[in-house]
């Protein structure tokens, strides 16, 4: 009888330890998942941007993007690939906004990217890439493409300038 009680007690302890071990594992998975979620975007589309040069608010157009976000309703990471016409087909270089890049330039993202670059296009090709607007040396009519990166997601924004100094 004593052996039966000991065996029962031992099994009860074993199941208790196994059960606690499983709870700890589930908690660990849950914490890992929440860390991943906080690092991911929670918006379904890339953020908007505001570009202001001097007193001029410059209209930009969202182009191609590859955007990943966490969908709370499904508990899944969703990636959206949106293709768009190339920048030289999105805006008309001849209708570029006249800007003076020596003026104050403000580029505000709705959600700040981890990095971005600025590509300057002639009518057909990228002719230069810069890290800031202040670095741009070109003068005249150009297409400007801003490429933002948020972790593994990217988005492009396009406008046309008639650059004056």
C-alpha atoms as a PDB file:
ATOM      1  CA  UNK A   1       0.000   0.000   0.000  1.00  0.00           C
ATOM      2  CA  UNK A   2       2.832   2.395   0.878  1.00  0.00           C
ATOM      3  CA  UNK A   3       4.446   1.647  -2.479  1.00  0.00           C
ATOM      4  CA  UNK A   4       1.185   2.453  -4.261  1.00  0.00           C
ATOM      5  CA  UNK A   5       0.912   5.779  -2.417  1.00  0.00           C
ATOM      6  CA  UNK A   6       4.553   6.615  -3.240  1.00  0.00           C
ATOM      7  CA  UNK A   7       4.011   5.690  -6.892  1.00  0.00           C
ATOM      8  CA  UNK A   8       0.870   7.846  -7.042  1.00  0.00           C
ATOM      9  CA  UNK A   9       2.643  10.744  -5.368  1.00  0.00           C
ATOM     10  CA  UNK A  10       5.635  10.374  -7.729  1.00  0.00           C
ATOM     11  CA  UNK A  11       3.391  10.359 -10.797  1.00  0.00           C
ATOM     12  CA  UNK A  12       1.524  13.398  -9.513  1.00  0.00           C
ATOM     13  CA  UNK A  13       4.840  15.262  -9.047  1.00  0.00           C
ATOM     14  CA  UNK A  14       6.035  14.183 -12.504  1.00  0.00           C
ATOM     15  CA  UNK A  15       2.851  15.445 -14.172  1.00  0.00           C
ATOM     16  CA  UNK A  16       3.052  18.686 -12.200  1.00  0.00           C
ATOM     17  CA  UNK A  17       6.629  19.323 -13.396  1.00  0.00           C
ATOM     18  CA  UNK A  18       5.748  18.444 -16.984  1.00  0.00           C
ATOM     19  CA  UNK A  19       2.725  20.726 -16.861  1.00  0.00           C
ATOM     20  CA  UNK A  20       4.791  23.626 -15.479  1.00  0.00           C
ATOM     21  CA  UNK A  21       7.446  23.017 -18.083  1.00  0.00           C
ATOM     22  CA  UNK A  22       4.845  23.269 -20.848  1.00  0.00           C
ATOM     23  CA  UNK A  23       3.401  26.504 -19.426  1.00  0.00           C
ATOM     24  CA  UNK A  24       6.887  27.997 -19.336  1.00  0.00           C
ATOM     25  CA  UNK A  25       7.442  26.996 -22.971  1.00  0.00           C
ATOM     26  CA  UNK A  26       4.101  28.525 -24.028  1.00  0.00           C
ATOM     27  CA  UNK A  27       4.935  31.728 -22.141  1.00  0.00           C
ATOM     28  CA  UNK A  28       8.320  31.852 -23.859  1.00  0.00           C
ATOM     29  CA  UNK A  29       6.676  31.411 -27.290  1.00  0.00           C
ATOM     30  CA  UNK A  30       4.182  34.129 -26.453  1.00  0.00           C
ATOM     31  CA  UNK A  31       6.938  36.553 -25.420  1.00  0.00           C
ATOM     32  CA  UNK A  32       8.934  35.821 -28.578  1.00  0.00           C
ATOM     33  CA  UNK A  33       5.847  36.361 -30.722  1.00  0.00           C
ATOM     34  CA  UNK A  34       5.072  39.686 -29.054  1.00  0.00           C
ATOM     35  CA  UNK A  35       8.673  40.852 -29.603  1.00  0.00           C
ATOM     36  CA  UNK A  36       8.354  40.031 -33.292  1.00  0.00           C
ATOM     37  CA  UNK A  37       5.024  41.853 -33.460  1.00  0.00           C
ATOM     38  CA  UNK A  38       6.434  45.047 -31.968  1.00  0.00           C
ATOM     39  CA  UNK A  39       9.245  45.028 -34.538  1.00  0.00           C
ATOM     40  CA  UNK A  40       6.803  44.644 -37.444  1.00  0.00           C
ATOM     41  CA  UNK A  41       4.701  47.338 -39.011  1.00  0.00           C
ATOM     42  CA  UNK A  42       1.130  47.476 -37.803  1.00  0.00           C
ATOM     43  CA  UNK A  43      -0.157  49.434 -40.800  1.00  0.00           C
ATOM     44  CA  UNK A  44      -1.400  47.771 -43.957  1.00  0.00           C
ATOM     45  CA  UNK A  45       0.283  50.317 -46.256  1.00  0.00           C
ATOM     46  CA  UNK A  46       3.514  52.292 -46.180  1.00  0.00           C
ATOM     47  CA  UNK A  47       3.370  55.598 -44.309  1.00  0.00           C
ATOM     48  CA  UNK A  48       2.607  58.874 -46.018  1.00  0.00           C
ATOM     49  CA  UNK A  49       5.331  61.482 -46.358  1.00  0.00           C
ATOM     50  CA  UNK A  50       5.280  65.259 -46.251  1.00  0.00           C
ATOM     51  CA  UNK A  51       7.887  67.178 -48.204  1.00  0.00           C
ATOM     52  CA  UNK A  52       8.238  70.919 -47.764  1.00  0.00           C
ATOM     53  CA  UNK A  53      10.869  73.089 -49.450  1.00  0.00           C
ATOM     54  CA  UNK A  54      10.842  76.682 -48.269  1.00  0.00           C
ATOM     55  CA  UNK A  55       7.145  77.540 -48.133  1.00  0.00           C
ATOM     56  CA  UNK A  56       6.142  75.018 -50.826  1.00  0.00           C
ATOM     57  CA  UNK A  57       4.418  71.782 -49.877  1.00  0.00           C
ATOM     58  CA  UNK A  58       5.496  69.309 -52.534  1.00  0.00           C
ATOM     59  CA  UNK A  59       3.023  66.646 -53.691  1.00  0.00           C
ATOM     60  CA  UNK A  60       4.523  63.147 -53.818  1.00  0.00           C
ATOM     61  CA  UNK A  61       3.085  59.962 -55.255  1.00  0.00           C
ATOM     62  CA  UNK A  62       3.573  56.539 -53.692  1.00  0.00           C
ATOM     63  CA  UNK A  63       5.153  54.140 -56.164  1.00  0.00           C
ATOM     64  CA  UNK A  64       6.254  50.549 -55.896  1.00  0.00           C
ATOM     65  CA  UNK A  65       6.411  48.992 -52.447  1.00  0.00           C
ATOM     66  CA  UNK A  66       7.004  45.736 -50.622  1.00  0.00           C
ATOM     67  CA  UNK A  67       5.293  46.027 -47.261  1.00  0.00           C
ATOM     68  CA  UNK A  68       5.007  43.506 -44.421  1.00  0.00           C
ATOM     69  CA  UNK A  69       2.699  44.009 -41.466  1.00  0.00           C
ATOM     70  CA  UNK A  70       1.190  42.011 -38.635  1.00  0.00           C
ATOM     71  CA  UNK A  71      -2.505  41.291 -39.125  1.00  0.00           C
ATOM     72  CA  UNK A  72      -3.997  41.033 -35.623  1.00  0.00           C
ATOM     73  CA  UNK A  73      -7.204  39.387 -36.822  1.00  0.00           C
ATOM     74  CA  UNK A  74      -5.393  36.418 -38.382  1.00  0.00           C
ATOM     75  CA  UNK A  75      -2.290  36.453 -36.183  1.00  0.00           C
ATOM     76  CA  UNK A  76      -0.183  36.264 -39.342  1.00  0.00           C
ATOM     77  CA  UNK A  77       2.463  38.401 -40.991  1.00  0.00           C
ATOM     78  CA  UNK A  78       1.131  39.636 -44.336  1.00  0.00           C
ATOM     79  CA  UNK A  79       3.367  40.888 -47.157  1.00  0.00           C
ATOM     80  CA  UNK A  80       1.962  43.080 -49.913  1.00  0.00           C
ATOM     81  CA  UNK A  81       3.913  43.592 -53.133  1.00  0.00           C
ATOM     82  CA  UNK A  82       2.567  46.573 -55.093  1.00  0.00           C
ATOM     83  CA  UNK A  83       4.088  47.283 -58.472  1.00  0.00           C
ATOM     84  CA  UNK A  84       3.743  50.648 -60.152  1.00  0.00           C
ATOM     85  CA  UNK A  85       4.803  52.359 -63.332  1.00  0.00           C
ATOM     86  CA  UNK A  86       8.405  53.623 -63.250  1.00  0.00           C
ATOM     87  CA  UNK A  87       8.921  57.138 -61.857  1.00  0.00           C
ATOM     88  CA  UNK A  88       9.306  58.675 -65.335  1.00  0.00           C
ATOM     89  CA  UNK A  89       5.785  57.428 -66.161  1.00  0.00           C
ATOM     90  CA  UNK A  90       4.279  58.507 -62.834  1.00  0.00           C
ATOM     91  CA  UNK A  91       5.101  62.208 -63.102  1.00  0.00           C
ATOM     92  CA  UNK A  92       5.759  64.602 -65.960  1.00  0.00           C
ATOM     93  CA  UNK A  93       9.288  65.988 -65.758  1.00  0.00           C
ATOM     94  CA  UNK A  94       8.164  69.096 -67.665  1.00  0.00           C
ATOM     95  CA  UNK A  95       5.652  69.960 -64.943  1.00  0.00           C
ATOM     96  CA  UNK A  96       8.143  69.804 -62.098  1.00  0.00           C
ATOM     97  CA  UNK A  97       7.674  72.137 -59.148  1.00  0.00           C
ATOM     98  CA  UNK A  98      10.181  74.988 -59.188  1.00  0.00           C
ATOM     99  CA  UNK A  99      12.308  74.582 -56.041  1.00  0.00           C
ATOM    100  CA  UNK A 100      15.377  76.171 -54.527  1.00  0.00           C
ATOM    101  CA  UNK A 101      17.293  73.445 -52.691  1.00  0.00           C
ATOM    102  CA  UNK A 102      19.217  76.125 -50.775  1.00  0.00           C
ATOM    103  CA  UNK A 103      15.983  76.790 -48.831  1.00  0.00           C
ATOM    104  CA  UNK A 104      14.929  74.850 -45.734  1.00  0.00           C
ATOM    105  CA  UNK A 105      13.917  71.311 -46.629  1.00  0.00           C
ATOM    106  CA  UNK A 106      11.670  69.208 -44.387  1.00  0.00           C
ATOM    107  CA  UNK A 107      11.025  65.566 -45.178  1.00  0.00           C
ATOM    108  CA  UNK A 108       8.663  64.055 -42.611  1.00  0.00           C
ATOM    109  CA  UNK A 109       7.581  60.425 -42.708  1.00  0.00           C
ATOM    110  CA  UNK A 110       4.385  59.385 -40.928  1.00  0.00           C
ATOM    111  CA  UNK A 111       6.557  56.592 -39.496  1.00  0.00           C
ATOM    112  CA  UNK A 112      10.303  57.261 -39.573  1.00  0.00           C
ATOM    113  CA  UNK A 113      12.200  54.763 -41.775  1.00  0.00           C
ATOM    114  CA  UNK A 114      15.366  53.026 -40.652  1.00  0.00           C
ATOM    115  CA  UNK A 115      16.976  54.638 -43.698  1.00  0.00           C
ATOM    116  CA  UNK A 116      16.132  56.360 -46.960  1.00  0.00           C
ATOM    117  CA  UNK A 117      17.851  57.521 -50.127  1.00  0.00           C
ATOM    118  CA  UNK A 118      17.021  60.021 -52.828  1.00  0.00           C
ATOM    119  CA  UNK A 119      17.389  59.063 -56.480  1.00  0.00           C
ATOM    120  CA  UNK A 120      17.534  61.742 -59.154  1.00  0.00           C
ATOM    121  CA  UNK A 121      16.227  60.716 -62.585  1.00  0.00           C
ATOM    122  CA  UNK A 122      16.566  62.367 -65.956  1.00  0.00           C
ATOM    123  CA  UNK A 123      13.696  61.518 -68.297  1.00  0.00           C
ATOM    124  CA  UNK A 124      14.678  57.820 -68.471  1.00  0.00           C
ATOM    125  CA  UNK A 125      17.261  56.711 -65.892  1.00  0.00           C
ATOM    126  CA  UNK A 126      18.641  57.229 -62.420  1.00  0.00           C
ATOM    127  CA  UNK A 127      21.603  59.603 -62.759  1.00  0.00           C
ATOM    128  CA  UNK A 128      22.532  60.029 -59.087  1.00  0.00           C
ATOM    129  CA  UNK A 129      21.705  58.772 -55.593  1.00  0.00           C
ATOM    130  CA  UNK A 130      21.966  60.902 -52.436  1.00  0.00           C
ATOM    131  CA  UNK A 131      21.378  60.565 -48.695  1.00  0.00           C
ATOM    132  CA  UNK A 132      19.920  64.084 -48.289  1.00  0.00           C
ATOM    133  CA  UNK A 133      18.352  66.745 -50.479  1.00  0.00           C
ATOM    134  CA  UNK A 134      21.155  69.125 -49.537  1.00  0.00           C
ATOM    135  CA  UNK A 135      23.649  66.885 -51.406  1.00  0.00           C
ATOM    136  CA  UNK A 136      21.847  67.221 -54.760  1.00  0.00           C
ATOM    137  CA  UNK A 137      24.046  69.074 -57.269  1.00  0.00           C
ATOM    138  CA  UNK A 138      21.842  68.886 -60.382  1.00  0.00           C
ATOM    139  CA  UNK A 139      20.079  71.983 -61.679  1.00  0.00           C
ATOM    140  CA  UNK A 140      17.094  71.927 -64.009  1.00  0.00           C
ATOM    141  CA  UNK A 141      14.190  69.530 -64.537  1.00  0.00           C
ATOM    142  CA  UNK A 142      14.432  66.152 -62.820  1.00  0.00           C
ATOM    143  CA  UNK A 143      12.327  63.408 -61.328  1.00  0.00           C
ATOM    144  CA  UNK A 144      13.039  62.703 -57.659  1.00  0.00           C
ATOM    145  CA  UNK A 145      12.383  59.282 -56.142  1.00  0.00           C
ATOM    146  CA  UNK A 146      12.575  58.816 -52.373  1.00  0.00           C
ATOM    147  CA  UNK A 147      13.153  55.198 -51.313  1.00  0.00           C
ATOM    148  CA  UNK A 148      12.388  54.452 -47.653  1.00  0.00           C
ATOM    149  CA  UNK A 149      13.253  51.268 -45.768  1.00  0.00           C
ATOM    150  CA  UNK A 150      11.515  50.019 -42.616  1.00  0.00           C
ATOM    151  CA  UNK A 151      13.148  46.767 -41.531  1.00  0.00           C
ATOM    152  CA  UNK A 152      12.414  44.376 -44.397  1.00  0.00           C
ATOM    153  CA  UNK A 153       9.816  46.690 -45.999  1.00  0.00           C
ATOM    154  CA  UNK A 154      10.459  49.340 -48.657  1.00  0.00           C
ATOM    155  CA  UNK A 155       8.385  52.015 -50.356  1.00  0.00           C
ATOM    156  CA  UNK A 156       9.062  54.605 -53.040  1.00  0.00           C
ATOM    157  CA  UNK A 157       7.669  58.125 -53.423  1.00  0.00           C
ATOM    158  CA  UNK A 158       7.985  60.214 -56.574  1.00  0.00           C
ATOM    159  CA  UNK A 159       7.781  63.884 -57.531  1.00  0.00           C
ATOM    160  CA  UNK A 160       9.195  66.165 -60.250  1.00  0.00           C
ATOM    161  CA  UNK A 161      11.377  69.227 -59.625  1.00  0.00           C
ATOM    162  CA  UNK A 162      12.642  72.163 -61.619  1.00  0.00           C
ATOM    163  CA  UNK A 163      15.704  72.709 -59.437  1.00  0.00           C
ATOM    164  CA  UNK A 164      16.984  76.283 -59.064  1.00  0.00           C
ATOM    165  CA  UNK A 165      19.752  77.607 -56.823  1.00  0.00           C
END
